[in-house]
Amino acid sequence: MRAKEVIDAEILKHHVEFSKVRGTKTEVYTRIVGYYRNVDNFNIGKKEEFRERIEYDPSKRKER
């Protein structure tokens, strides 16, 4: 049972370390009519439209 206690202690140690990690804000760009634009600059309606978009995945394409 000693091994489980050691693993639990390591998990707790890493959990404490990772709880202090803070990321930075990421800029998201999308291509609109041939140019790229930062999503943060969108108006409310355009942001909602962007959230509802479904990314096209050609690997899931159905063959006819």
PDB file of N, CA and C in Angstrom:
ATOM      1  N   MET A   1       0.816  -1.185   0.000  1.00  0.00           N
ATOM      2  CA  MET A   1       0.000   0.000   0.000  1.00  0.00           C
ATOM      3  C   MET A   1       0.868   1.261   0.000  1.00  0.00           C
ATOM      4  N   ARG A   2       2.108   1.132   0.297  1.00  0.00           N
ATOM      5  CA  ARG A   2       3.007   2.286   0.360  1.00  0.00           C
ATOM      6  C   ARG A   2       3.071   3.003  -0.986  1.00  0.00           C
ATOM      7  N   ALA A   3       3.057   2.253  -2.070  1.00  0.00           N
ATOM      8  CA  ALA A   3       3.164   2.858  -3.400  1.00  0.00           C
ATOM      9  C   ALA A   3       1.987   3.796  -3.670  1.00  0.00           C
ATOM     10  N   LYS A   4       0.790   3.407  -3.247  1.00  0.00           N
ATOM     11  CA  LYS A   4      -0.387   4.240  -3.458  1.00  0.00           C
ATOM     12  C   LYS A   4      -0.249   5.550  -2.687  1.00  0.00           C
ATOM     13  N   GLU A   5       0.252   5.504  -1.494  1.00  0.00           N
ATOM     14  CA  GLU A   5       0.434   6.712  -0.689  1.00  0.00           C
ATOM     15  C   GLU A   5       1.447   7.656  -1.338  1.00  0.00           C
ATOM     16  N   VAL A   6       2.514   7.080  -1.896  1.00  0.00           N
ATOM     17  CA  VAL A   6       3.534   7.892  -2.574  1.00  0.00           C
ATOM     18  C   VAL A   6       2.931   8.564  -3.805  1.00  0.00           C
ATOM     19  N   ILE A   7       2.166   7.800  -4.567  1.00  0.00           N
ATOM     20  CA  ILE A   7       1.530   8.352  -5.771  1.00  0.00           C
ATOM     21  C   ILE A   7       0.540   9.448  -5.390  1.00  0.00           C
ATOM     22  N   ASP A   8      -0.269   9.213  -4.366  1.00  0.00           N
ATOM     23  CA  ASP A   8      -1.229  10.233  -3.921  1.00  0.00           C
ATOM     24  C   ASP A   8      -0.521  11.515  -3.472  1.00  0.00           C
ATOM     25  N   ALA A   9       0.610  11.365  -2.801  1.00  0.00           N
ATOM     26  CA  ALA A   9       1.375  12.532  -2.358  1.00  0.00           C
ATOM     27  C   ALA A   9       1.921  13.308  -3.554  1.00  0.00           C
ATOM     28  N   GLU A  10       2.399  12.589  -4.571  1.00  0.00           N
ATOM     29  CA  GLU A  10       2.906  13.249  -5.779  1.00  0.00           C
ATOM     30  C   GLU A  10       1.781  13.976  -6.513  1.00  0.00           C
ATOM     31  N   ILE A  11       0.628  13.333  -6.600  1.00  0.00           N
ATOM     32  CA  ILE A  11      -0.524  13.965  -7.258  1.00  0.00           C
ATOM     33  C   ILE A  11      -0.896  15.250  -6.539  1.00  0.00           C
ATOM     34  N   LEU A  12      -0.946  15.213  -5.238  1.00  0.00           N
ATOM     35  CA  LEU A  12      -1.278  16.399  -4.452  1.00  0.00           C
ATOM     36  C   LEU A  12      -0.247  17.506  -4.674  1.00  0.00           C
ATOM     37  N   LYS A  13       1.030  17.137  -4.686  1.00  0.00           N
ATOM     38  CA  LYS A  13       2.096  18.116  -4.904  1.00  0.00           C
ATOM     39  C   LYS A  13       1.930  18.788  -6.267  1.00  0.00           C
ATOM     40  N   HIS A  14       1.670  17.985  -7.305  1.00  0.00           N
ATOM     41  CA  HIS A  14       1.503  18.537  -8.652  1.00  0.00           C
ATOM     42  C   HIS A  14       0.226  19.366  -8.753  1.00  0.00           C
ATOM     43  N   HIS A  15      -0.809  18.943  -8.077  1.00  0.00           N
ATOM     44  CA  HIS A  15      -2.059  19.696  -8.082  1.00  0.00           C
ATOM     45  C   HIS A  15      -1.839  21.096  -7.510  1.00  0.00           C
ATOM     46  N   VAL A  16      -1.093  21.189  -6.430  1.00  0.00           N
ATOM     47  CA  VAL A  16      -0.791  22.488  -5.817  1.00  0.00           C
ATOM     48  C   VAL A  16       0.043  23.339  -6.770  1.00  0.00           C
ATOM     49  N   GLU A  17       1.039  22.730  -7.414  1.00  0.00           N
ATOM     50  CA  GLU A  17       1.890  23.469  -8.358  1.00  0.00           C
ATOM     51  C   GLU A  17       1.075  23.998  -9.535  1.00  0.00           C
ATOM     52  N   PHE A  18       0.226  23.131 -10.105  1.00  0.00           N
ATOM     53  CA  PHE A  18      -0.533  23.521 -11.292  1.00  0.00           C
ATOM     54  C   PHE A  18      -1.649  24.515 -10.973  1.00  0.00           C
ATOM     55  N   SER A  19      -2.099  24.565  -9.736  1.00  0.00           N
ATOM     56  CA  SER A  19      -3.149  25.519  -9.386  1.00  0.00           C
ATOM     57  C   SER A  19      -2.627  26.955  -9.427  1.00  0.00           C
ATOM     58  N   LYS A  20      -1.318  27.123  -9.407  1.00  0.00           N
ATOM     59  CA  LYS A  20      -0.707  28.450  -9.447  1.00  0.00           C
ATOM     60  C   LYS A  20      -0.437  28.930 -10.873  1.00  0.00           C
ATOM     61  N   VAL A  21      -0.606  28.047 -11.860  1.00  0.00           N
ATOM     62  CA  VAL A  21      -0.315  28.390 -13.251  1.00  0.00           C
ATOM     63  C   VAL A  21      -1.420  29.280 -13.799  1.00  0.00           C
ATOM     64  N   ARG A  22      -1.031  30.365 -14.413  1.00  0.00           N
ATOM     65  CA  ARG A  22      -1.978  31.277 -15.037  1.00  0.00           C
ATOM     66  C   ARG A  22      -1.558  31.479 -16.487  1.00  0.00           C
ATOM     67  N   GLY A  23      -2.496  31.357 -17.377  1.00  0.00           N
ATOM     68  CA  GLY A  23      -2.217  31.534 -18.795  1.00  0.00           C
ATOM     69  C   GLY A  23      -2.388  32.982 -19.216  1.00  0.00           C
ATOM     70  N   THR A  24      -2.158  33.208 -20.465  1.00  0.00           N
ATOM     71  CA  THR A  24      -2.379  34.532 -21.029  1.00  0.00           C
ATOM     72  C   THR A  24      -3.516  34.442 -22.037  1.00  0.00           C
ATOM     73  N   LYS A  25      -4.136  35.565 -22.297  1.00  0.00           N
ATOM     74  CA  LYS A  25      -5.242  35.605 -23.234  1.00  0.00           C
ATOM     75  C   LYS A  25      -4.728  35.299 -24.640  1.00  0.00           C
ATOM     76  N   THR A  26      -5.440  34.462 -25.356  1.00  0.00           N
ATOM     77  CA  THR A  26      -5.068  34.078 -26.705  1.00  0.00           C
ATOM     78  C   THR A  26      -5.903  34.854 -27.704  1.00  0.00           C
ATOM     79  N   GLU A  27      -5.261  35.410 -28.714  1.00  0.00           N
ATOM     80  CA  GLU A  27      -5.989  36.104 -29.768  1.00  0.00           C
ATOM     81  C   GLU A  27      -6.459  35.072 -30.788  1.00  0.00           C
ATOM     82  N   VAL A  28      -7.724  35.147 -31.156  1.00  0.00           N
ATOM     83  CA  VAL A  28      -8.295  34.223 -32.131  1.00  0.00           C
ATOM     84  C   VAL A  28      -8.622  35.009 -33.387  1.00  0.00           C
ATOM     85  N   TYR A  29      -8.137  34.535 -34.525  1.00  0.00           N
ATOM     86  CA  TYR A  29      -8.395  35.173 -35.802  1.00  0.00           C
ATOM     87  C   TYR A  29      -9.214  34.236 -36.670  1.00  0.00           C
ATOM     88  N   THR A  30     -10.021  34.806 -37.531  1.00  0.00           N
ATOM     89  CA  THR A  30     -10.777  34.024 -38.487  1.00  0.00           C
ATOM     90  C   THR A  30     -10.655  34.694 -39.844  1.00  0.00           C
ATOM     91  N   ARG A  31     -10.788  33.908 -40.893  1.00  0.00           N
ATOM     92  CA  ARG A  31     -10.662  34.430 -42.254  1.00  0.00           C
ATOM     93  C   ARG A  31     -12.040  34.834 -42.740  1.00  0.00           C
ATOM     94  N   ILE A  32     -12.164  36.079 -43.144  1.00  0.00           N
ATOM     95  CA  ILE A  32     -13.427  36.582 -43.678  1.00  0.00           C
ATOM     96  C   ILE A  32     -13.138  37.247 -45.014  1.00  0.00           C
ATOM     97  N   VAL A  33     -13.742  36.734 -46.048  1.00  0.00           N
ATOM     98  CA  VAL A  33     -13.655  37.291 -47.399  1.00  0.00           C
ATOM     99  C   VAL A  33     -12.210  37.657 -47.759  1.00  0.00           C
ATOM    100  N   GLY A  34     -11.306  36.733 -47.559  1.00  0.00           N
ATOM    101  CA  GLY A  34      -9.939  36.899 -48.022  1.00  0.00           C
ATOM    102  C   GLY A  34      -8.969  37.568 -47.068  1.00  0.00           C
ATOM    103  N   TYR A  35      -9.407  37.995 -45.903  1.00  0.00           N
ATOM    104  CA  TYR A  35      -8.466  38.583 -44.942  1.00  0.00           C
ATOM    105  C   TYR A  35      -8.767  38.066 -43.541  1.00  0.00           C
ATOM    106  N   TYR A  36      -7.803  38.191 -42.651  1.00  0.00           N
ATOM    107  CA  TYR A  36      -7.944  37.697 -41.287  1.00  0.00           C
ATOM    108  C   TYR A  36      -8.339  38.831 -40.356  1.00  0.00           C
ATOM    109  N   ARG A  37      -9.212  38.507 -39.403  1.00  0.00           N
ATOM    110  CA  ARG A  37      -9.692  39.524 -38.472  1.00  0.00           C
ATOM    111  C   ARG A  37      -9.757  38.935 -37.072  1.00  0.00           C
ATOM    112  N   ASN A  38      -9.378  39.728 -36.082  1.00  0.00           N
ATOM    113  CA  ASN A  38      -9.397  39.306 -34.694  1.00  0.00           C
ATOM    114  C   ASN A  38     -10.854  39.207 -34.230  1.00  0.00           C
ATOM    115  N   VAL A  39     -11.223  38.070 -33.647  1.00  0.00           N
ATOM    116  CA  VAL A  39     -12.594  37.826 -33.210  1.00  0.00           C
ATOM    117  C   VAL A  39     -13.005  38.804 -32.105  1.00  0.00           C
ATOM    118  N   ASP A  40     -12.073  39.280 -31.307  1.00  0.00           N
ATOM    119  CA  ASP A  40     -12.399  40.241 -30.248  1.00  0.00           C
ATOM    120  C   ASP A  40     -12.971  41.544 -30.804  1.00  0.00           C
ATOM    121  N   ASN A  41     -12.656  41.842 -32.058  1.00  0.00           N
ATOM    122  CA  ASN A  41     -13.145  43.080 -32.662  1.00  0.00           C
ATOM    123  C   ASN A  41     -14.538  42.928 -33.277  1.00  0.00           C
ATOM    124  N   PHE A  42     -15.123  41.747 -33.222  1.00  0.00           N
ATOM    125  CA  PHE A  42     -16.455  41.525 -33.782  1.00  0.00           C
ATOM    126  C   PHE A  42     -17.513  42.205 -32.923  1.00  0.00           C
ATOM    127  N   ASN A  43     -18.626  42.577 -33.548  1.00  0.00           N
ATOM    128  CA  ASN A  43     -19.760  43.065 -32.769  1.00  0.00           C
ATOM    129  C   ASN A  43     -20.469  41.866 -32.142  1.00  0.00           C
ATOM    130  N   ILE A  44     -21.469  42.103 -31.301  1.00  0.00           N
ATOM    131  CA  ILE A  44     -22.132  41.036 -30.541  1.00  0.00           C
ATOM    132  C   ILE A  44     -22.722  39.972 -31.464  1.00  0.00           C
ATOM    133  N   GLY A  45     -23.394  40.401 -32.524  1.00  0.00           N
ATOM    134  CA  GLY A  45     -24.025  39.455 -33.443  1.00  0.00           C
ATOM    135  C   GLY A  45     -23.017  38.588 -34.162  1.00  0.00           C
ATOM    136  N   LYS A  46     -21.925  39.190 -34.616  1.00  0.00           N
ATOM    137  CA  LYS A  46     -20.893  38.445 -35.328  1.00  0.00           C
ATOM    138  C   LYS A  46     -20.195  37.459 -34.397  1.00  0.00           C
ATOM    139  N   LYS A  47     -19.990  37.840 -33.121  1.00  0.00           N
ATOM    140  CA  LYS A  47     -19.380  36.912 -32.159  1.00  0.00           C
ATOM    141  C   LYS A  47     -20.266  35.686 -31.971  1.00  0.00           C
ATOM    142  N   GLU A  48     -21.584  35.898 -31.869  1.00  0.00           N
ATOM    143  CA  GLU A  48     -22.506  34.772 -31.695  1.00  0.00           C
ATOM    144  C   GLU A  48     -22.496  33.883 -32.934  1.00  0.00           C
ATOM    145  N   GLU A  49     -22.475  34.486 -34.108  1.00  0.00           N
ATOM    146  CA  GLU A  49     -22.405  33.717 -35.352  1.00  0.00           C
ATOM    147  C   GLU A  49     -21.126  32.877 -35.381  1.00  0.00           C
ATOM    148  N   PHE A  50     -20.015  33.465 -34.952  1.00  0.00           N
ATOM    149  CA  PHE A  50     -18.739  32.751 -34.924  1.00  0.00           C
ATOM    150  C   PHE A  50     -18.806  31.558 -33.974  1.00  0.00           C
ATOM    151  N   ARG A  51     -19.446  31.737 -32.801  1.00  0.00           N
ATOM    152  CA  ARG A  51     -19.573  30.644 -31.820  1.00  0.00           C
ATOM    153  C   ARG A  51     -20.399  29.487 -32.368  1.00  0.00           C
ATOM    154  N   GLU A  52     -21.366  29.784 -33.229  1.00  0.00           N
ATOM    155  CA  GLU A  52     -22.262  28.748 -33.752  1.00  0.00           C
ATOM    156  C   GLU A  52     -21.689  28.017 -34.954  1.00  0.00           C
ATOM    157  N   ARG A  53     -20.573  28.477 -35.485  1.00  0.00           N
ATOM    158  CA  ARG A  53     -19.989  27.842 -36.670  1.00  0.00           C
ATOM    159  C   ARG A  53     -19.554  26.414 -36.367  1.00  0.00           C
ATOM    160  N   ILE A  54     -19.655  25.578 -37.371  1.00  0.00           N
ATOM    161  CA  ILE A  54     -19.191  24.192 -37.286  1.00  0.00           C
ATOM    162  C   ILE A  54     -17.997  24.056 -38.218  1.00  0.00           C
ATOM    163  N   GLU A  55     -16.884  23.605 -37.667  1.00  0.00           N
ATOM    164  CA  GLU A  55     -15.673  23.475 -38.466  1.00  0.00           C
ATOM    165  C   GLU A  55     -15.802  22.292 -39.416  1.00  0.00           C
ATOM    166  N   TYR A  56     -15.476  22.509 -40.675  1.00  0.00           N
ATOM    167  CA  TYR A  56     -15.542  21.461 -41.681  1.00  0.00           C
ATOM    168  C   TYR A  56     -14.390  20.491 -41.494  1.00  0.00           C
ATOM    169  N   ASP A  57     -14.702  19.198 -41.463  1.00  0.00           N
ATOM    170  CA  ASP A  57     -13.685  18.153 -41.315  1.00  0.00           C
ATOM    171  C   ASP A  57     -13.762  17.248 -42.527  1.00  0.00           C
ATOM    172  N   PRO A  58     -12.847  17.383 -43.487  1.00  0.00           N
ATOM    173  CA  PRO A  58     -12.921  16.569 -44.711  1.00  0.00           C
ATOM    174  C   PRO A  58     -12.781  15.076 -44.474  1.00  0.00           C
ATOM    175  N   SER A  59     -12.193  14.673 -43.338  1.00  0.00           N
ATOM    176  CA  SER A  59     -12.049  13.245 -43.070  1.00  0.00           C
ATOM    177  C   SER A  59     -13.399  12.603 -42.733  1.00  0.00           C
ATOM    178  N   LYS A  60     -14.394  13.407 -42.349  1.00  0.00           N
ATOM    179  CA  LYS A  60     -15.715  12.881 -42.033  1.00  0.00           C
ATOM    180  C   LYS A  60     -16.688  13.017 -43.204  1.00  0.00           C
ATOM    181  N   ARG A  61     -16.160  13.357 -44.350  1.00  0.00           N
ATOM    182  CA  ARG A  61     -16.984  13.557 -45.538  1.00  0.00           C
ATOM    183  C   ARG A  61     -17.603  12.238 -45.979  1.00  0.00           C
ATOM    184  N   LYS A  62     -18.865  12.268 -46.316  1.00  0.00           N
ATOM    185  CA  LYS A  62     -19.530  11.062 -46.796  1.00  0.00           C
ATOM    186  C   LYS A  62     -19.280  10.891 -48.282  1.00  0.00           C
ATOM    187  N   GLU A  63     -18.902   9.701 -48.679  1.00  0.00           N
ATOM    188  CA  GLU A  63     -18.695   9.404 -50.096  1.00  0.00           C
ATOM    189  C   GLU A  63     -20.046   9.139 -50.749  1.00  0.00           C
ATOM    190  N   ARG A  64     -20.190   9.594 -51.956  1.00  0.00           N
ATOM    191  CA  ARG A  64     -21.455   9.364 -52.681  1.00  0.00           C
ATOM    192  C   ARG A  64     -21.352   8.148 -53.545  1.00  0.00           C
TER     193      ARG A  64
END
